[in-house]
Amino acid sequence: MGTPIRIHQDIYNAAKKTAKAECRSIPGQIEFWAKIGKCALENPDLPIDFIREVLISKEQSRTLAEPFSLKDNIHA
């Protein structure tokens, strides 16, 4: 269960547009942005795009993942 909060109307409007494009709810979009911001503050050496992609990949189904296999193409 969530907690109601007040946010600036501009942030809400931006979240509404982005949420629709990224198939999230408006609260889900704001939460996603908050997670990115928190991670960025905790890891200032990591690029924002990297943090964003990691968070997205954590939410994706594991069934979409392809197994990793080390190919034996290394010749000594």
N, C-alpha and C. Protein backbone atom coordinates (compact mmCIF):
# COMPACT_ATOMS: atom_id res chain seq x y z
N MET A 1 0.84 -1.18 0.00
CA MET A 1 0.00 0.00 0.00
C MET A 1 0.88 1.23 0.00
N GLY A 2 0.53 2.20 -0.80
CA GLY A 2 1.31 3.42 -0.92
C GLY A 2 0.89 4.49 0.06
N THR A 3 1.68 5.53 0.10
CA THR A 3 1.42 6.68 0.94
C THR A 3 1.20 7.89 0.04
N PRO A 4 0.08 8.57 0.19
CA PRO A 4 -0.15 9.76 -0.65
C PRO A 4 0.89 10.84 -0.36
N ILE A 5 1.38 11.46 -1.43
CA ILE A 5 2.33 12.57 -1.28
C ILE A 5 1.92 13.70 -2.21
N ARG A 6 2.41 14.89 -1.93
CA ARG A 6 2.16 16.03 -2.80
C ARG A 6 3.41 16.25 -3.64
N ILE A 7 3.22 16.43 -4.94
CA ILE A 7 4.33 16.75 -5.83
C ILE A 7 3.92 17.92 -6.71
N HIS A 8 4.88 18.58 -7.26
CA HIS A 8 4.62 19.72 -8.13
C HIS A 8 3.89 19.24 -9.39
N GLN A 9 2.97 20.04 -9.86
CA GLN A 9 2.16 19.68 -11.03
C GLN A 9 3.01 19.39 -12.26
N ASP A 10 4.13 20.12 -12.43
CA ASP A 10 5.01 19.88 -13.58
C ASP A 10 5.61 18.48 -13.55
N ILE A 11 6.00 18.02 -12.37
CA ILE A 11 6.53 16.66 -12.24
C ILE A 11 5.44 15.64 -12.55
N TYR A 12 4.25 15.89 -12.05
CA TYR A 12 3.13 14.98 -12.32
C TYR A 12 2.85 14.89 -13.82
N ASN A 13 2.82 16.04 -14.49
CA ASN A 13 2.55 16.06 -15.93
C ASN A 13 3.63 15.33 -16.73
N ALA A 14 4.89 15.54 -16.34
CA ALA A 14 5.99 14.85 -17.02
C ALA A 14 5.90 13.34 -16.77
N ALA A 15 5.58 12.95 -15.55
CA ALA A 15 5.44 11.53 -15.23
C ALA A 15 4.28 10.91 -16.00
N LYS A 16 3.21 11.66 -16.17
CA LYS A 16 2.05 11.15 -16.90
C LYS A 16 2.42 10.84 -18.35
N LYS A 17 3.14 11.75 -18.99
CA LYS A 17 3.56 11.54 -20.38
C LYS A 17 4.51 10.35 -20.50
N THR A 18 5.52 10.33 -19.64
CA THR A 18 6.52 9.27 -19.70
C THR A 18 5.93 7.92 -19.31
N ALA A 19 5.05 7.91 -18.33
CA ALA A 19 4.42 6.67 -17.88
C ALA A 19 3.65 6.01 -19.01
N LYS A 20 2.94 6.82 -19.77
CA LYS A 20 2.18 6.27 -20.89
C LYS A 20 3.11 5.68 -21.93
N ALA A 21 4.19 6.38 -22.24
CA ALA A 21 5.14 5.92 -23.25
C ALA A 21 5.89 4.66 -22.80
N GLU A 22 6.13 4.53 -21.50
CA GLU A 22 6.90 3.40 -20.99
C GLU A 22 6.01 2.34 -20.32
N CYS A 23 4.70 2.44 -20.54
CA CYS A 23 3.74 1.45 -20.04
C CYS A 23 3.82 1.25 -18.53
N ARG A 24 3.86 2.36 -17.80
CA ARG A 24 3.84 2.32 -16.34
C ARG A 24 2.68 3.17 -15.86
N SER A 25 2.31 2.97 -14.61
CA SER A 25 1.35 3.86 -13.99
C SER A 25 2.09 5.15 -13.63
N ILE A 26 1.35 6.20 -13.36
CA ILE A 26 1.99 7.47 -12.98
C ILE A 26 2.76 7.30 -11.66
N PRO A 27 2.16 6.69 -10.63
CA PRO A 27 2.94 6.46 -9.41
C PRO A 27 4.15 5.56 -9.66
N GLY A 28 3.99 4.57 -10.54
CA GLY A 28 5.10 3.69 -10.87
C GLY A 28 6.24 4.43 -11.54
N GLN A 29 5.89 5.38 -12.40
CA GLN A 29 6.91 6.19 -13.08
C GLN A 29 7.66 7.06 -12.09
N ILE A 30 6.94 7.70 -11.20
CA ILE A 30 7.57 8.56 -10.19
C ILE A 30 8.46 7.72 -9.27
N GLU A 31 8.00 6.53 -8.91
CA GLU A 31 8.80 5.63 -8.08
C GLU A 31 10.07 5.21 -8.83
N PHE A 32 9.95 4.92 -10.13
CA PHE A 32 11.10 4.54 -10.94
C PHE A 32 12.12 5.67 -10.96
N TRP A 33 11.66 6.91 -11.19
CA TRP A 33 12.57 8.05 -11.18
C TRP A 33 13.24 8.21 -9.82
N ALA A 34 12.48 7.98 -8.76
CA ALA A 34 13.05 8.11 -7.41
C ALA A 34 14.14 7.06 -7.19
N LYS A 35 13.91 5.83 -7.66
CA LYS A 35 14.92 4.77 -7.53
C LYS A 35 16.19 5.14 -8.29
N ILE A 36 16.02 5.67 -9.51
CA ILE A 36 17.19 6.07 -10.29
C ILE A 36 17.96 7.16 -9.56
N GLY A 37 17.25 8.15 -9.04
CA GLY A 37 17.90 9.24 -8.31
C GLY A 37 18.62 8.75 -7.07
N LYS A 38 17.99 7.86 -6.33
CA LYS A 38 18.61 7.31 -5.12
C LYS A 38 19.87 6.54 -5.47
N CYS A 39 19.78 5.68 -6.48
CA CYS A 39 20.95 4.90 -6.91
C CYS A 39 22.07 5.81 -7.42
N ALA A 40 21.70 6.86 -8.14
CA ALA A 40 22.70 7.80 -8.66
C ALA A 40 23.42 8.51 -7.52
N LEU A 41 22.70 8.89 -6.50
CA LEU A 41 23.33 9.55 -5.35
C LEU A 41 24.24 8.60 -4.58
N GLU A 42 23.83 7.34 -4.50
CA GLU A 42 24.63 6.33 -3.78
C GLU A 42 25.82 5.84 -4.60
N ASN A 43 25.77 6.02 -5.93
CA ASN A 43 26.82 5.55 -6.83
C ASN A 43 27.19 6.64 -7.82
N PRO A 44 27.82 7.72 -7.35
CA PRO A 44 28.07 8.87 -8.23
C PRO A 44 29.01 8.57 -9.40
N ASP A 45 29.76 7.48 -9.35
CA ASP A 45 30.68 7.15 -10.44
C ASP A 45 30.01 6.41 -11.59
N LEU A 46 28.77 5.95 -11.39
CA LEU A 46 28.07 5.22 -12.44
C LEU A 46 27.24 6.17 -13.30
N PRO A 47 27.25 5.95 -14.62
CA PRO A 47 26.42 6.78 -15.50
C PRO A 47 24.93 6.51 -15.25
N ILE A 48 24.11 7.55 -15.36
CA ILE A 48 22.67 7.43 -15.15
C ILE A 48 22.06 6.40 -16.09
N ASP A 49 22.48 6.38 -17.34
CA ASP A 49 21.93 5.41 -18.29
C ASP A 49 22.21 3.98 -17.85
N PHE A 50 23.38 3.73 -17.29
CA PHE A 50 23.71 2.40 -16.78
C PHE A 50 22.77 2.02 -15.63
N ILE A 51 22.57 2.95 -14.71
CA ILE A 51 21.68 2.70 -13.56
C ILE A 51 20.27 2.41 -14.06
N ARG A 52 19.81 3.20 -15.01
CA ARG A 52 18.46 3.02 -15.56
C ARG A 52 18.31 1.63 -16.18
N GLU A 53 19.29 1.22 -16.98
CA GLU A 53 19.22 -0.08 -17.64
C GLU A 53 19.27 -1.23 -16.63
N VAL A 54 20.04 -1.08 -15.58
CA VAL A 54 20.10 -2.11 -14.54
C VAL A 54 18.75 -2.24 -13.85
N LEU A 55 18.14 -1.12 -13.51
CA LEU A 55 16.83 -1.16 -12.85
C LEU A 55 15.78 -1.78 -13.77
N ILE A 56 15.81 -1.45 -15.04
CA ILE A 56 14.86 -2.03 -15.99
C ILE A 56 15.08 -3.53 -16.10
N SER A 57 16.33 -3.95 -16.19
CA SER A 57 16.61 -5.38 -16.36
C SER A 57 16.20 -6.17 -15.12
N LYS A 58 16.28 -5.56 -13.95
CA LYS A 58 15.87 -6.26 -12.73
C LYS A 58 14.36 -6.53 -12.72
N GLU A 59 13.60 -5.71 -13.43
CA GLU A 59 12.15 -5.86 -13.46
C GLU A 59 11.67 -6.82 -14.55
N GLN A 60 12.56 -7.16 -15.49
CA GLN A 60 12.15 -8.02 -16.58
C GLN A 60 12.11 -9.48 -16.13
N SER A 61 11.25 -10.22 -16.79
CA SER A 61 11.10 -11.64 -16.48
C SER A 61 12.39 -12.40 -16.80
N ARG A 62 12.75 -13.31 -15.94
CA ARG A 62 13.95 -14.13 -16.16
C ARG A 62 13.76 -15.07 -17.36
N THR A 63 12.52 -15.32 -17.73
CA THR A 63 12.26 -16.21 -18.86
C THR A 63 12.69 -15.58 -20.18
N LEU A 64 12.88 -14.25 -20.19
CA LEU A 64 13.33 -13.57 -21.40
C LEU A 64 14.85 -13.65 -21.58
N ALA A 65 15.54 -14.05 -20.52
CA ALA A 65 17.00 -14.08 -20.56
C ALA A 65 17.49 -15.24 -21.42
N GLU A 66 18.59 -15.00 -22.10
CA GLU A 66 19.24 -16.04 -22.88
C GLU A 66 20.38 -16.60 -22.06
N PRO A 67 20.53 -17.92 -22.05
CA PRO A 67 21.62 -18.51 -21.27
C PRO A 67 22.98 -18.10 -21.84
N PHE A 68 23.91 -17.88 -20.95
CA PHE A 68 25.26 -17.53 -21.36
C PHE A 68 26.06 -18.80 -21.55
N SER A 69 26.76 -18.89 -22.66
CA SER A 69 27.64 -20.03 -22.87
C SER A 69 28.98 -19.53 -23.37
N LEU A 70 30.02 -20.05 -22.78
CA LEU A 70 31.37 -19.67 -23.15
C LEU A 70 31.76 -20.51 -24.36
N LYS A 71 32.01 -19.85 -25.45
CA LYS A 71 32.36 -20.55 -26.68
C LYS A 71 33.83 -20.96 -26.64
N ASP A 72 34.09 -22.09 -27.17
CA ASP A 72 35.45 -22.63 -27.17
C ASP A 72 36.18 -22.18 -28.43
N ASN A 73 36.28 -20.88 -28.63
CA ASN A 73 36.94 -20.32 -29.80
C ASN A 73 38.33 -19.78 -29.49
N ILE A 74 38.80 -20.04 -28.30
CA ILE A 74 40.10 -19.53 -27.90
C ILE A 74 41.17 -20.55 -28.30
N HIS A 75 42.12 -20.12 -29.09
CA HIS A 75 43.20 -21.01 -29.53
C HIS A 75 44.48 -20.63 -28.77
N ALA A 76 45.11 -21.60 -28.20
CA ALA A 76 46.36 -21.33 -27.45
C ALA A 76 47.57 -21.40 -28.33
